[in-house]
Structure formats: structure tokens, C-alpha cells
Amino acid sequence: MKKLMLLALLFAACRTEIKPLIRDETVKKKVRNTVNDCSVHDYPTATDLPTGSQNIGWITVKRMATDDETFEALRKEVCAKGGDAMSQMHWIRASGASVADPPVELEANAWVTP
């Protein structure tokens, strides 16, 4: 009787049902702002860029009224230099400024990807 109960418990416990993963195609892809058919991709670091990317240098823009306007100005500058990617984006504060002071410029490393 003990073996029969153990067998029944084992049989009941092994009836786990896993539903298959169904990919939901309604997910919207993230769209970047484009400037005159120039799309600039943001990479966190230079090592994340595709192999064969060419560095075209650091690009700095003054801070605008909003952060979005500043990011757009930086993308325009990268496009104007012939780039299509940027990495290591960071804010720059004025010399001698406190941590509480707002940054005055935005800088990023510009790249041309293959």
C-alpha cells in the first residue's frame, strides 16, 4: 500500500505542464530621432561598437533649454561630422563648479560604423 501511494504521488507530481513561449509581434520597436536621413546610434562604451568602426573624435555641444534639445543638437553635430554612432556620452560642468551646479555641455565620442 505504501508503494502504491508513493507511486500515485510521484505520478501526480510529474504532471507539470509548461506552456510554449509565443512571441508577441505587437511590441513596438524603439525608434530613434533622425536628422536629414542620418540616424545616430548610442553605445554605452567604445567596446560595444561593431568591429571596424572608425573614431572621428569627441564632439561637444552647449546645453540647450531642455535635455532633449541638447541630445538632438549632439546627434546633429555627429551627423554633420559624418558619423552615425556615438559612445561614452557624458555631461561636463564648468571649471570649479559644484556638484549641485547644472552641467554646461554634453560630450560624446563620435564614430563611423561599417
PDB file of N, CA and C in Angstrom:
ATOM      1  N   MET A   1       0.821  -1.190   0.000  1.00  0.00           N
ATOM      2  CA  MET A   1       0.000   0.000   0.000  1.00  0.00           C
ATOM      3  C   MET A   1       0.868   1.259   0.000  1.00  0.00           C
ATOM      4  N   LYS A   2       1.971   1.179   0.779  1.00  0.00           N
ATOM      5  CA  LYS A   2       2.875   2.323   0.861  1.00  0.00           C
ATOM      6  C   LYS A   2       3.503   2.608  -0.500  1.00  0.00           C
ATOM      7  N   LYS A   3       3.887   1.587  -1.233  1.00  0.00           N
ATOM      8  CA  LYS A   3       4.482   1.752  -2.559  1.00  0.00           C
ATOM      9  C   LYS A   3       3.469   2.306  -3.544  1.00  0.00           C
ATOM     10  N   LEU A   4       2.231   1.887  -3.421  1.00  0.00           N
ATOM     11  CA  LEU A   4       1.170   2.368  -4.306  1.00  0.00           C
ATOM     12  C   LEU A   4       0.906   3.850  -4.080  1.00  0.00           C
ATOM     13  N   MET A   5       0.894   4.291  -2.825  1.00  0.00           N
ATOM     14  CA  MET A   5       0.700   5.706  -2.505  1.00  0.00           C
ATOM     15  C   MET A   5       1.872   6.551  -3.024  1.00  0.00           C
ATOM     16  N   LEU A   6       3.077   6.025  -2.860  1.00  0.00           N
ATOM     17  CA  LEU A   6       4.264   6.729  -3.342  1.00  0.00           C
ATOM     18  C   LEU A   6       4.244   6.846  -4.865  1.00  0.00           C
ATOM     19  N   LEU A   7       3.821   5.779  -5.541  1.00  0.00           N
ATOM     20  CA  LEU A   7       3.720   5.796  -6.994  1.00  0.00           C
ATOM     21  C   LEU A   7       2.644   6.772  -7.462  1.00  0.00           C
ATOM     22  N   ALA A   8       1.521   6.820  -6.789  1.00  0.00           N
ATOM     23  CA  ALA A   8       0.442   7.751  -7.132  1.00  0.00           C
ATOM     24  C   ALA A   8       0.885   9.200  -6.915  1.00  0.00           C
ATOM     25  N   LEU A   9       1.602   9.467  -5.829  1.00  0.00           N
ATOM     26  CA  LEU A   9       2.115  10.802  -5.548  1.00  0.00           C
ATOM     27  C   LEU A   9       3.141  11.229  -6.600  1.00  0.00           C
ATOM     28  N   LEU A  10       4.028  10.322  -6.966  1.00  0.00           N
ATOM     29  CA  LEU A  10       5.029  10.601  -7.988  1.00  0.00           C
ATOM     30  C   LEU A  10       4.375  10.886  -9.340  1.00  0.00           C
ATOM     31  N   PHE A  11       3.372  10.094  -9.694  1.00  0.00           N
ATOM     32  CA  PHE A  11       2.660  10.290 -10.957  1.00  0.00           C
ATOM     33  C   PHE A  11       1.937  11.631 -10.983  1.00  0.00           C
ATOM     34  N   ALA A  12       1.315  12.002  -9.865  1.00  0.00           N
ATOM     35  CA  ALA A  12       0.582  13.273  -9.790  1.00  0.00           C
ATOM     36  C   ALA A  12       1.545  14.457  -9.819  1.00  0.00           C
ATOM     37  N   ALA A  13       2.710  14.304  -9.193  1.00  0.00           N
ATOM     38  CA  ALA A  13       3.680  15.400  -9.122  1.00  0.00           C
ATOM     39  C   ALA A  13       4.358  15.642 -10.468  1.00  0.00           C
ATOM     40  N   CYS A  14       4.453  14.668 -11.311  1.00  0.00           N
ATOM     41  CA  CYS A  14       5.151  14.798 -12.582  1.00  0.00           C
ATOM     42  C   CYS A  14       4.249  15.311 -13.693  1.00  0.00           C
ATOM     43  N   ARG A  15       3.076  15.740 -13.373  1.00  0.00           N
ATOM     44  CA  ARG A  15       2.154  16.217 -14.394  1.00  0.00           C
ATOM     45  C   ARG A  15       2.257  17.731 -14.557  1.00  0.00           C
ATOM     46  N   THR A  16       3.440  18.252 -14.582  1.00  0.00           N
ATOM     47  CA  THR A  16       3.666  19.667 -14.780  1.00  0.00           C
ATOM     48  C   THR A  16       3.518  19.996 -16.257  1.00  0.00           C
ATOM     49  N   GLU A  17       2.771  21.045 -16.525  1.00  0.00           N
ATOM     50  CA  GLU A  17       2.557  21.439 -17.912  1.00  0.00           C
ATOM     51  C   GLU A  17       3.186  22.805 -18.132  1.00  0.00           C
ATOM     52  N   ILE A  18       4.059  22.909 -19.106  1.00  0.00           N
ATOM     53  CA  ILE A  18       4.719  24.162 -19.431  1.00  0.00           C
ATOM     54  C   ILE A  18       4.176  24.640 -20.765  1.00  0.00           C
ATOM     55  N   LYS A  19       3.643  25.842 -20.752  1.00  0.00           N
ATOM     56  CA  LYS A  19       3.096  26.402 -21.983  1.00  0.00           C
ATOM     57  C   LYS A  19       4.243  26.892 -22.862  1.00  0.00           C
ATOM     58  N   PRO A  20       4.141  26.714 -24.156  1.00  0.00           N
ATOM     59  CA  PRO A  20       5.204  27.190 -25.041  1.00  0.00           C
ATOM     60  C   PRO A  20       5.222  28.715 -25.097  1.00  0.00           C
ATOM     61  N   LEU A  21       6.408  29.254 -25.290  1.00  0.00           N
ATOM     62  CA  LEU A  21       6.573  30.692 -25.398  1.00  0.00           C
ATOM     63  C   LEU A  21       6.129  31.148 -26.780  1.00  0.00           C
ATOM     64  N   ILE A  22       5.180  32.045 -26.793  1.00  0.00           N
ATOM     65  CA  ILE A  22       4.687  32.586 -28.061  1.00  0.00           C
ATOM     66  C   ILE A  22       5.128  34.042 -28.129  1.00  0.00           C
ATOM     67  N   ARG A  23       5.877  34.361 -29.143  1.00  0.00           N
ATOM     68  CA  ARG A  23       6.400  35.709 -29.303  1.00  0.00           C
ATOM     69  C   ARG A  23       5.289  36.658 -29.706  1.00  0.00           C
ATOM     70  N   ASP A  24       5.186  37.759 -28.988  1.00  0.00           N
ATOM     71  CA  ASP A  24       4.165  38.759 -29.272  1.00  0.00           C
ATOM     72  C   ASP A  24       4.733  39.766 -30.266  1.00  0.00           C
ATOM     73  N   GLU A  25       4.222  39.771 -31.470  1.00  0.00           N
ATOM     74  CA  GLU A  25       4.741  40.649 -32.529  1.00  0.00           C
ATOM     75  C   GLU A  25       4.195  42.071 -32.438  1.00  0.00           C
ATOM     76  N   THR A  26       3.366  42.350 -31.449  1.00  0.00           N
ATOM     77  CA  THR A  26       2.798  43.693 -31.322  1.00  0.00           C
ATOM     78  C   THR A  26       3.719  44.648 -30.569  1.00  0.00           C
ATOM     79  N   VAL A  27       4.892  44.167 -30.127  1.00  0.00           N
ATOM     80  CA  VAL A  27       5.827  45.020 -29.419  1.00  0.00           C
ATOM     81  C   VAL A  27       6.396  46.040 -30.396  1.00  0.00           C
ATOM     82  N   LYS A  28       6.318  47.308 -30.008  1.00  0.00           N
ATOM     83  CA  LYS A  28       6.826  48.365 -30.872  1.00  0.00           C
ATOM     84  C   LYS A  28       8.333  48.483 -30.715  1.00  0.00           C
ATOM     85  N   LYS A  29       9.016  48.629 -31.829  1.00  0.00           N
ATOM     86  CA  LYS A  29      10.461  48.793 -31.795  1.00  0.00           C
ATOM     87  C   LYS A  29      10.788  50.227 -31.418  1.00  0.00           C
ATOM     88  N   LYS A  30      11.912  50.403 -30.751  1.00  0.00           N
ATOM     89  CA  LYS A  30      12.360  51.719 -30.337  1.00  0.00           C
ATOM     90  C   LYS A  30      12.846  52.492 -31.557  1.00  0.00           C
ATOM     91  N   VAL A  31      12.311  53.681 -31.764  1.00  0.00           N
ATOM     92  CA  VAL A  31      12.654  54.484 -32.928  1.00  0.00           C
ATOM     93  C   VAL A  31      13.509  55.659 -32.474  1.00  0.00           C
ATOM     94  N   ARG A  32      14.609  55.845 -33.113  1.00  0.00           N
ATOM     95  CA  ARG A  32      15.493  56.969 -32.820  1.00  0.00           C
ATOM     96  C   ARG A  32      15.108  58.156 -33.691  1.00  0.00           C
ATOM     97  N   ASN A  33      15.383  59.334 -33.166  1.00  0.00           N
ATOM     98  CA  ASN A  33      15.169  60.534 -33.972  1.00  0.00           C
ATOM     99  C   ASN A  33      16.194  60.557 -35.097  1.00  0.00           C
ATOM    100  N   THR A  34      15.759  60.931 -36.266  1.00  0.00           N
ATOM    101  CA  THR A  34      16.689  61.031 -37.384  1.00  0.00           C
ATOM    102  C   THR A  34      16.771  62.471 -37.849  1.00  0.00           C
ATOM    103  N   VAL A  35      17.926  62.840 -38.321  1.00  0.00           N
ATOM    104  CA  VAL A  35      18.166  64.190 -38.789  1.00  0.00           C
ATOM    105  C   VAL A  35      18.595  64.103 -40.242  1.00  0.00           C
ATOM    106  N   ASN A  36      17.723  64.537 -41.154  1.00  0.00           N
ATOM    107  CA  ASN A  36      18.051  64.522 -42.586  1.00  0.00           C
ATOM    108  C   ASN A  36      18.580  63.153 -43.020  1.00  0.00           C
ATOM    109  N   ASP A  37      17.848  62.119 -42.705  1.00  0.00           N
ATOM    110  CA  ASP A  37      18.193  60.738 -43.061  1.00  0.00           C
ATOM    111  C   ASP A  37      19.485  60.260 -42.413  1.00  0.00           C
ATOM    112  N   CYS A  38      19.902  60.874 -41.330  1.00  0.00           N
ATOM    113  CA  CYS A  38      21.078  60.433 -40.600  1.00  0.00           C
ATOM    114  C   CYS A  38      20.618  59.923 -39.241  1.00  0.00           C
ATOM    115  N   SER A  39      20.836  58.653 -39.000  1.00  0.00           N
ATOM    116  CA  SER A  39      20.440  58.043 -37.738  1.00  0.00           C
ATOM    117  C   SER A  39      21.687  57.793 -36.899  1.00  0.00           C
ATOM    118  N   VAL A  40      21.680  58.268 -35.652  1.00  0.00           N
ATOM    119  CA  VAL A  40      22.823  58.121 -34.761  1.00  0.00           C
ATOM    120  C   VAL A  40      22.451  57.138 -33.659  1.00  0.00           C
ATOM    121  N   HIS A  41      23.245  56.086 -33.520  1.00  0.00           N
ATOM    122  CA  HIS A  41      23.008  55.063 -32.503  1.00  0.00           C
ATOM    123  C   HIS A  41      23.875  55.356 -31.282  1.00  0.00           C
ATOM    124  N   ASP A  42      23.296  55.184 -30.116  1.00  0.00           N
ATOM    125  CA  ASP A  42      24.019  55.403 -28.863  1.00  0.00           C
ATOM    126  C   ASP A  42      24.578  54.075 -28.358  1.00  0.00           C
ATOM    127  N   TYR A  43      25.872  54.057 -28.072  1.00  0.00           N
ATOM    128  CA  TYR A  43      26.514  52.889 -27.475  1.00  0.00           C
ATOM    129  C   TYR A  43      27.075  53.313 -26.120  1.00  0.00           C
ATOM    130  N   PRO A  44      26.907  52.501 -25.084  1.00  0.00           N
ATOM    131  CA  PRO A  44      27.401  52.891 -23.762  1.00  0.00           C
ATOM    132  C   PRO A  44      28.920  53.095 -23.727  1.00  0.00           C
ATOM    133  N   THR A  45      29.666  52.191 -24.358  1.00  0.00           N
ATOM    134  CA  THR A  45      31.123  52.299 -24.368  1.00  0.00           C
ATOM    135  C   THR A  45      31.649  52.021 -25.777  1.00  0.00           C
ATOM    136  N   ALA A  46      32.896  52.357 -25.996  1.00  0.00           N
ATOM    137  CA  ALA A  46      33.503  52.152 -27.312  1.00  0.00           C
ATOM    138  C   ALA A  46      33.658  50.668 -27.635  1.00  0.00           C
ATOM    139  N   THR A  47      33.769  49.820 -26.623  1.00  0.00           N
ATOM    140  CA  THR A  47      33.929  48.389 -26.875  1.00  0.00           C
ATOM    141  C   THR A  47      32.634  47.748 -27.365  1.00  0.00           C
ATOM    142  N   ASP A  48      31.508  48.437 -27.235  1.00  0.00           N
ATOM    143  CA  ASP A  48      30.227  47.912 -27.708  1.00  0.00           C
ATOM    144  C   ASP A  48      30.011  48.147 -29.203  1.00  0.00           C
ATOM    145  N   LEU A  49      30.835  48.974 -29.809  1.00  0.00           N
ATOM    146  CA  LEU A  49      30.690  49.286 -31.236  1.00  0.00           C
ATOM    147  C   LEU A  49      31.071  48.090 -32.096  1.00  0.00           C
ATOM    148  N   PRO A  50      30.507  47.998 -33.311  1.00  0.00           N
ATOM    149  CA  PRO A  50      30.873  46.898 -34.206  1.00  0.00           C
ATOM    150  C   PRO A  50      32.363  46.956 -34.585  1.00  0.00           C
ATOM    151  N   THR A  51      32.927  45.804 -34.867  1.00  0.00           N
ATOM    152  CA  THR A  51      34.319  45.729 -35.287  1.00  0.00           C
ATOM    153  C   THR A  51      34.506  46.489 -36.598  1.00  0.00           C
ATOM    154  N   GLY A  52      35.562  47.281 -36.673  1.00  0.00           N
ATOM    155  CA  GLY A  52      35.847  48.049 -37.880  1.00  0.00           C
ATOM    156  C   GLY A  52      35.331  49.482 -37.832  1.00  0.00           C
ATOM    157  N   SER A  53      34.750  49.905 -36.713  1.00  0.00           N
ATOM    158  CA  SER A  53      34.260  51.286 -36.588  1.00  0.00           C
ATOM    159  C   SER A  53      35.439  52.257 -36.534  1.00  0.00           C
ATOM    160  N   GLN A  54      35.249  53.405 -37.145  1.00  0.00           N
ATOM    161  CA  GLN A  54      36.303  54.428 -37.200  1.00  0.00           C
ATOM    162  C   GLN A  54      35.947  55.590 -36.274  1.00  0.00           C
ATOM    163  N   ASN A  55      36.862  55.968 -35.414  1.00  0.00           N
ATOM    164  CA  ASN A  55      36.645  57.085 -34.491  1.00  0.00           C
ATOM    165  C   ASN A  55      36.872  58.398 -35.222  1.00  0.00           C
ATOM    166  N   ILE A  56      35.954  59.356 -35.037  1.00  0.00           N
ATOM    167  CA  ILE A  56      36.139  60.682 -35.648  1.00  0.00           C
ATOM    168  C   ILE A  56      36.305  61.762 -34.594  1.00  0.00           C
ATOM    169  N   GLY A  57      36.430  61.362 -33.321  1.00  0.00           N
ATOM    170  CA  GLY A  57      36.768  62.315 -32.261  1.00  0.00           C
ATOM    171  C   GLY A  57      35.607  62.677 -31.346  1.00  0.00           C
ATOM    172  N   TRP A  58      35.971  63.505 -30.358  1.00  0.00           N
ATOM    173  CA  TRP A  58      34.988  63.958 -29.379  1.00  0.00           C
ATOM    174  C   TRP A  58      34.204  65.141 -29.931  1.00  0.00           C
ATOM    175  N   ILE A  59      32.918  65.150 -29.651  1.00  0.00           N
ATOM    176  CA  ILE A  59      32.048  66.247 -30.094  1.00  0.00           C
ATOM    177  C   ILE A  59      31.339  66.795 -28.862  1.00  0.00           C
ATOM    178  N   THR A  60      31.373  68.121 -28.733  1.00  0.00           N
ATOM    179  CA  THR A  60      30.788  68.793 -27.576  1.00  0.00           C
ATOM    180  C   THR A  60      29.773  69.824 -28.045  1.00  0.00           C
ATOM    181  N   VAL A  61      28.635  69.884 -27.362  1.00  0.00           N
ATOM    182  CA  VAL A  61      27.615  70.897 -27.655  1.00  0.00           C
ATOM    183  C   VAL A  61      27.229  71.594 -26.354  1.00  0.00           C
ATOM    184  N   LYS A  62      26.849  72.856 -26.456  1.00  0.00           N
ATOM    185  CA  LYS A  62      26.386  73.620 -25.301  1.00  0.00           C
ATOM    186  C   LYS A  62      25.019  73.106 -24.864  1.00  0.00           C
ATOM    187  N   ARG A  63      24.728  73.227 -23.599  1.00  0.00           N
ATOM    188  CA  ARG A  63      23.435  72.783 -23.063  1.00  0.00           C
ATOM    189  C   ARG A  63      22.330  73.710 -23.571  1.00  0.00           C
ATOM    190  N   MET A  64      21.231  73.121 -24.012  1.00  0.00           N
ATOM    191  CA  MET A  64      20.071  73.859 -24.515  1.00  0.00           C
ATOM    192  C   MET A  64      19.044  74.020 -23.386  1.00  0.00           C
ATOM    193  N   ALA A  65      17.861  74.493 -23.748  1.00  0.00           N
ATOM    194  CA  ALA A  65      16.802  74.710 -22.760  1.00  0.00           C
ATOM    195  C   ALA A  65      16.358  73.405 -22.105  1.00  0.00           C
ATOM    196  N   THR A  66      16.312  72.322 -22.892  1.00  0.00           N
ATOM    197  CA  THR A  66      15.933  71.015 -22.346  1.00  0.00           C
ATOM    198  C   THR A  66      16.982  69.978 -22.716  1.00  0.00           C
ATOM    199  N   ASP A  67      16.969  68.869 -21.992  1.00  0.00           N
ATOM    200  CA  ASP A  67      17.916  67.789 -22.291  1.00  0.00           C
ATOM    201  C   ASP A  67      17.660  67.189 -23.668  1.00  0.00           C
ATOM    202  N   ASP A  68      16.385  67.063 -24.052  1.00  0.00           N
ATOM    203  CA  ASP A  68      16.061  66.514 -25.374  1.00  0.00           C
ATOM    204  C   ASP A  68      16.626  67.373 -26.493  1.00  0.00           C
ATOM    205  N   GLU A  69      16.542  68.689 -26.354  1.00  0.00           N
ATOM    206  CA  GLU A  69      17.110  69.588 -27.365  1.00  0.00           C
ATOM    207  C   GLU A  69      18.634  69.436 -27.420  1.00  0.00           C
ATOM    208  N   THR A  70      19.251  69.240 -26.259  1.00  0.00           N
ATOM    209  CA  THR A  70      20.703  69.072 -26.207  1.00  0.00           C
ATOM    210  C   THR A  70      21.117  67.765 -26.885  1.00  0.00           C
ATOM    211  N   PHE A  71      20.394  66.668 -26.591  1.00  0.00           N
ATOM    212  CA  PHE A  71      20.691  65.391 -27.244  1.00  0.00           C
ATOM    213  C   PHE A  71      20.513  65.491 -28.757  1.00  0.00           C
ATOM    214  N   GLU A  72      19.475  66.188 -29.192  1.00  0.00           N
ATOM    215  CA  GLU A  72      19.229  66.351 -30.634  1.00  0.00           C
ATOM    216  C   GLU A  72      20.350  67.170 -31.280  1.00  0.00           C
ATOM    217  N   ALA A  73      20.814  68.209 -30.598  1.00  0.00           N
ATOM    218  CA  ALA A  73      21.923  69.016 -31.119  1.00  0.00           C
ATOM    219  C   ALA A  73      23.196  68.180 -31.234  1.00  0.00           C
ATOM    220  N   LEU A  74      23.431  67.299 -30.261  1.00  0.00           N
ATOM    221  CA  LEU A  74      24.600  66.425 -30.322  1.00  0.00           C
ATOM    222  C   LEU A  74      24.488  65.457 -31.493  1.00  0.00           C
ATOM    223  N   ARG A  75      23.302  64.882 -31.707  1.00  0.00           N
ATOM    224  CA  ARG A  75      23.106  63.985 -32.854  1.00  0.00           C
ATOM    225  C   ARG A  75      23.343  64.723 -34.170  1.00  0.00           C
ATOM    226  N   LYS A  76      22.877  65.969 -34.268  1.00  0.00           N
ATOM    227  CA  LYS A  76      23.088  66.762 -35.488  1.00  0.00           C
ATOM    228  C   LYS A  76      24.579  67.004 -35.726  1.00  0.00           C
ATOM    229  N   GLU A  77      25.309  67.275 -34.662  1.00  0.00           N
ATOM    230  CA  GLU A  77      26.753  67.501 -34.796  1.00  0.00           C
ATOM    231  C   GLU A  77      27.475  66.235 -35.248  1.00  0.00           C
ATOM    232  N   VAL A  78      27.076  65.093 -34.688  1.00  0.00           N
ATOM    233  CA  VAL A  78      27.684  63.823 -35.096  1.00  0.00           C
ATOM    234  C   VAL A  78      27.411  63.580 -36.578  1.00  0.00           C
ATOM    235  N   CYS A  79      26.178  63.833 -37.017  1.00  0.00           N
ATOM    236  CA  CYS A  79      25.836  63.667 -38.436  1.00  0.00           C
ATOM    237  C   CYS A  79      26.619  64.643 -39.311  1.00  0.00           C
ATOM    238  N   ALA A  80      26.764  65.879 -38.847  1.00  0.00           N
ATOM    239  CA  ALA A  80      27.492  66.890 -39.620  1.00  0.00           C
ATOM    240  C   ALA A  80      28.956  66.494 -39.812  1.00  0.00           C
ATOM    241  N   LYS A  81      29.522  65.784 -38.852  1.00  0.00           N
ATOM    242  CA  LYS A  81      30.914  65.315 -38.969  1.00  0.00           C
ATOM    243  C   LYS A  81      31.022  64.022 -39.770  1.00  0.00           C
ATOM    244  N   GLY A  82      29.882  63.458 -40.189  1.00  0.00           N
ATOM    245  CA  GLY A  82      29.901  62.248 -40.993  1.00  0.00           C
ATOM    246  C   GLY A  82      29.745  60.970 -40.188  1.00  0.00           C
ATOM    247  N   GLY A  83      29.422  61.081 -38.902  1.00  0.00           N
ATOM    248  CA  GLY A  83      29.290  59.905 -38.050  1.00  0.00           C
ATOM    249  C   GLY A  83      27.876  59.356 -38.023  1.00  0.00           C
ATOM    250  N   ASP A  84      27.765  58.126 -37.543  1.00  0.00           N
ATOM    251  CA  ASP A  84      26.438  57.522 -37.391  1.00  0.00           C
ATOM    252  C   ASP A  84      26.307  56.778 -36.061  1.00  0.00           C
ATOM    253  N   ALA A  85      27.274  57.001 -35.155  1.00  0.00           N
ATOM    254  CA  ALA A  85      27.220  56.381 -33.834  1.00  0.00           C
ATOM    255  C   ALA A  85      27.989  57.250 -32.849  1.00  0.00           C
ATOM    256  N   MET A  86      27.630  57.099 -31.565  1.00  0.00           N
ATOM    257  CA  MET A  86      28.372  57.804 -30.525  1.00  0.00           C
ATOM    258  C   MET A  86      28.438  56.927 -29.284  1.00  0.00           C
ATOM    259  N   SER A  87      29.485  57.156 -28.490  1.00  0.00           N
ATOM    260  CA  SER A  87      29.676  56.378 -27.272  1.00  0.00           C
ATOM    261  C   SER A  87      30.182  57.296 -26.171  1.00  0.00           C
ATOM    262  N   GLN A  88      30.157  56.782 -24.951  1.00  0.00           N
ATOM    263  CA  GLN A  88      30.709  57.477 -23.788  1.00  0.00           C
ATOM    264  C   GLN A  88      30.140  58.886 -23.607  1.00  0.00           C
ATOM    265  N   MET A  89      28.844  59.033 -23.803  1.00  0.00           N
ATOM    266  CA  MET A  89      28.220  60.338 -23.652  1.00  0.00           C
ATOM    267  C   MET A  89      28.229  60.744 -22.174  1.00  0.00           C
ATOM    268  N   HIS A  90      28.615  62.005 -21.901  1.00  0.00           N
ATOM    269  CA  HIS A  90      28.622  62.482 -20.521  1.00  0.00           C
ATOM    270  C   HIS A  90      28.470  64.006 -20.486  1.00  0.00           C
ATOM    271  N   TRP A  91      27.953  64.474 -19.346  1.00  0.00           N
ATOM    272  CA  TRP A  91      27.776  65.910 -19.126  1.00  0.00           C
ATOM    273  C   TRP A  91      29.067  66.490 -18.568  1.00  0.00           C
ATOM    274  N   ILE A  92      29.317  67.763 -18.908  1.00  0.00           N
ATOM    275  CA  ILE A  92      30.507  68.462 -18.425  1.00  0.00           C
ATOM    276  C   ILE A  92      30.055  69.691 -17.649  1.00  0.00           C
ATOM    277  N   ARG A  93      30.600  69.843 -16.437  1.00  0.00           N
ATOM    278  CA  ARG A  93      30.300  71.023 -15.626  1.00  0.00           C
ATOM    279  C   ARG A  93      31.376  72.076 -15.858  1.00  0.00           C
ATOM    280  N   ALA A  94      31.076  73.310 -15.512  1.00  0.00           N
ATOM    281  CA  ALA A  94      32.038  74.396 -15.649  1.00  0.00           C
ATOM    282  C   ALA A  94      33.208  74.157 -14.705  1.00  0.00           C
ATOM    283  N   SER A  95      34.366  74.677 -15.060  1.00  0.00           N
ATOM    284  CA  SER A  95      35.556  74.514 -14.242  1.00  0.00           C
ATOM    285  C   SER A  95      35.321  75.134 -12.870  1.00  0.00           C
ATOM    286  N   GLY A  96      35.575  74.355 -11.821  1.00  0.00           N
ATOM    287  CA  GLY A  96      35.383  74.847 -10.458  1.00  0.00           C
ATOM    288  C   GLY A  96      33.947  74.805  -9.980  1.00  0.00           C
ATOM    289  N   ALA A  97      33.047  74.249 -10.777  1.00  0.00           N
ATOM    290  CA  ALA A  97      31.635  74.207 -10.401  1.00  0.00           C
ATOM    291  C   ALA A  97      31.394  73.137  -9.345  1.00  0.00           C
ATOM    292  N   SER A  98      30.365  73.353  -8.551  1.00  0.00           N
ATOM    293  CA  SER A  98      29.960  72.398  -7.539  1.00  0.00           C
ATOM    294  C   SER A  98      29.183  71.255  -8.188  1.00  0.00           C
ATOM    295  N   VAL A  99      29.066  70.145  -7.493  1.00  0.00           N
ATOM    296  CA  VAL A  99      28.291  69.011  -7.996  1.00  0.00           C
ATOM    297  C   VAL A  99      26.820  69.408  -8.127  1.00  0.00           C
ATOM    298  N   ALA A 100      26.382  70.357  -7.338  1.00  0.00           N
ATOM    299  CA  ALA A 100      24.987  70.811  -7.382  1.00  0.00           C
ATOM    300  C   ALA A 100      24.710  71.717  -8.587  1.00  0.00           C
ATOM    301  N   ASP A 101      25.760  72.298  -9.175  1.00  0.00           N
ATOM    302  CA  ASP A 101      25.574  73.169 -10.336  1.00  0.00           C
ATOM    303  C   ASP A 101      25.211  72.337 -11.563  1.00  0.00           C
ATOM    304  N   PRO A 102      24.343  72.880 -12.422  1.00  0.00           N
ATOM    305  CA  PRO A 102      23.967  72.118 -13.618  1.00  0.00           C
ATOM    306  C   PRO A 102      25.128  72.067 -14.621  1.00  0.00           C
ATOM    307  N   PRO A 103      25.187  70.998 -15.409  1.00  0.00           N
ATOM    308  CA  PRO A 103      26.241  70.910 -16.431  1.00  0.00           C
ATOM    309  C   PRO A 103      26.025  71.962 -17.517  1.00  0.00           C
ATOM    310  N   VAL A 104      27.116  72.311 -18.191  1.00  0.00           N
ATOM    311  CA  VAL A 104      27.032  73.338 -19.229  1.00  0.00           C
ATOM    312  C   VAL A 104      27.198  72.781 -20.630  1.00  0.00           C
ATOM    313  N   GLU A 105      27.748  71.572 -20.754  1.00  0.00           N
ATOM    314  CA  GLU A 105      27.977  70.970 -22.072  1.00  0.00           C
ATOM    315  C   GLU A 105      27.700  69.474 -22.023  1.00  0.00           C
ATOM    316  N   LEU A 106      27.424  68.921 -23.208  1.00  0.00           N
ATOM    317  CA  LEU A 106      27.278  67.483 -23.371  1.00  0.00           C
ATOM    318  C   LEU A 106      28.315  67.027 -24.376  1.00  0.00           C
ATOM    319  N   GLU A 107      29.041  65.958 -24.050  1.00  0.00           N
ATOM    320  CA  GLU A 107      30.124  65.484 -24.905  1.00  0.00           C
ATOM    321  C   GLU A 107      29.947  63.996 -25.193  1.00  0.00           C
ATOM    322  N   ALA A 108      30.323  63.592 -26.391  1.00  0.00           N
ATOM    323  CA  ALA A 108      30.280  62.171 -26.769  1.00  0.00           C
ATOM    324  C   ALA A 108      31.391  61.896 -27.766  1.00  0.00           C
ATOM    325  N   ASN A 109      31.803  60.655 -27.831  1.00  0.00           N
ATOM    326  CA  ASN A 109      32.805  60.192 -28.774  1.00  0.00           C
ATOM    327  C   ASN A 109      32.073  59.759 -30.042  1.00  0.00           C
ATOM    328  N   ALA A 110      32.377  60.354 -31.172  1.00  0.00           N
ATOM    329  CA  ALA A 110      31.666  60.078 -32.431  1.00  0.00           C
ATOM    330  C   ALA A 110      32.388  59.006 -33.242  1.00  0.00           C
ATOM    331  N   TRP A 111      31.585  58.188 -33.952  1.00  0.00           N
ATOM    332  CA  TRP A 111      32.100  57.063 -34.719  1.00  0.00           C
ATOM    333  C   TRP A 111      31.396  56.918 -36.061  1.00  0.00           C
ATOM    334  N   VAL A 112      32.097  56.297 -37.013  1.00  0.00           N
ATOM    335  CA  VAL A 112      31.503  55.857 -38.275  1.00  0.00           C
ATOM    336  C   VAL A 112      31.543  54.340 -38.241  1.00  0.00           C
ATOM    337  N   THR A 113      30.363  53.717 -38.305  1.00  0.00           N
ATOM    338  CA  THR A 113      30.298  52.260 -38.246  1.00  0.00           C
ATOM    339  C   THR A 113      30.278  51.681 -39.661  1.00  0.00           C
ATOM    340  N   PRO A 114      30.782  50.444 -39.795  1.00  0.00           N
ATOM    341  CA  PRO A 114      30.816  49.817 -41.125  1.00  0.00           C
ATOM    342  C   PRO A 114      29.425  49.437 -41.623  1.00  0.00           C
TER     343      PRO A 114
END
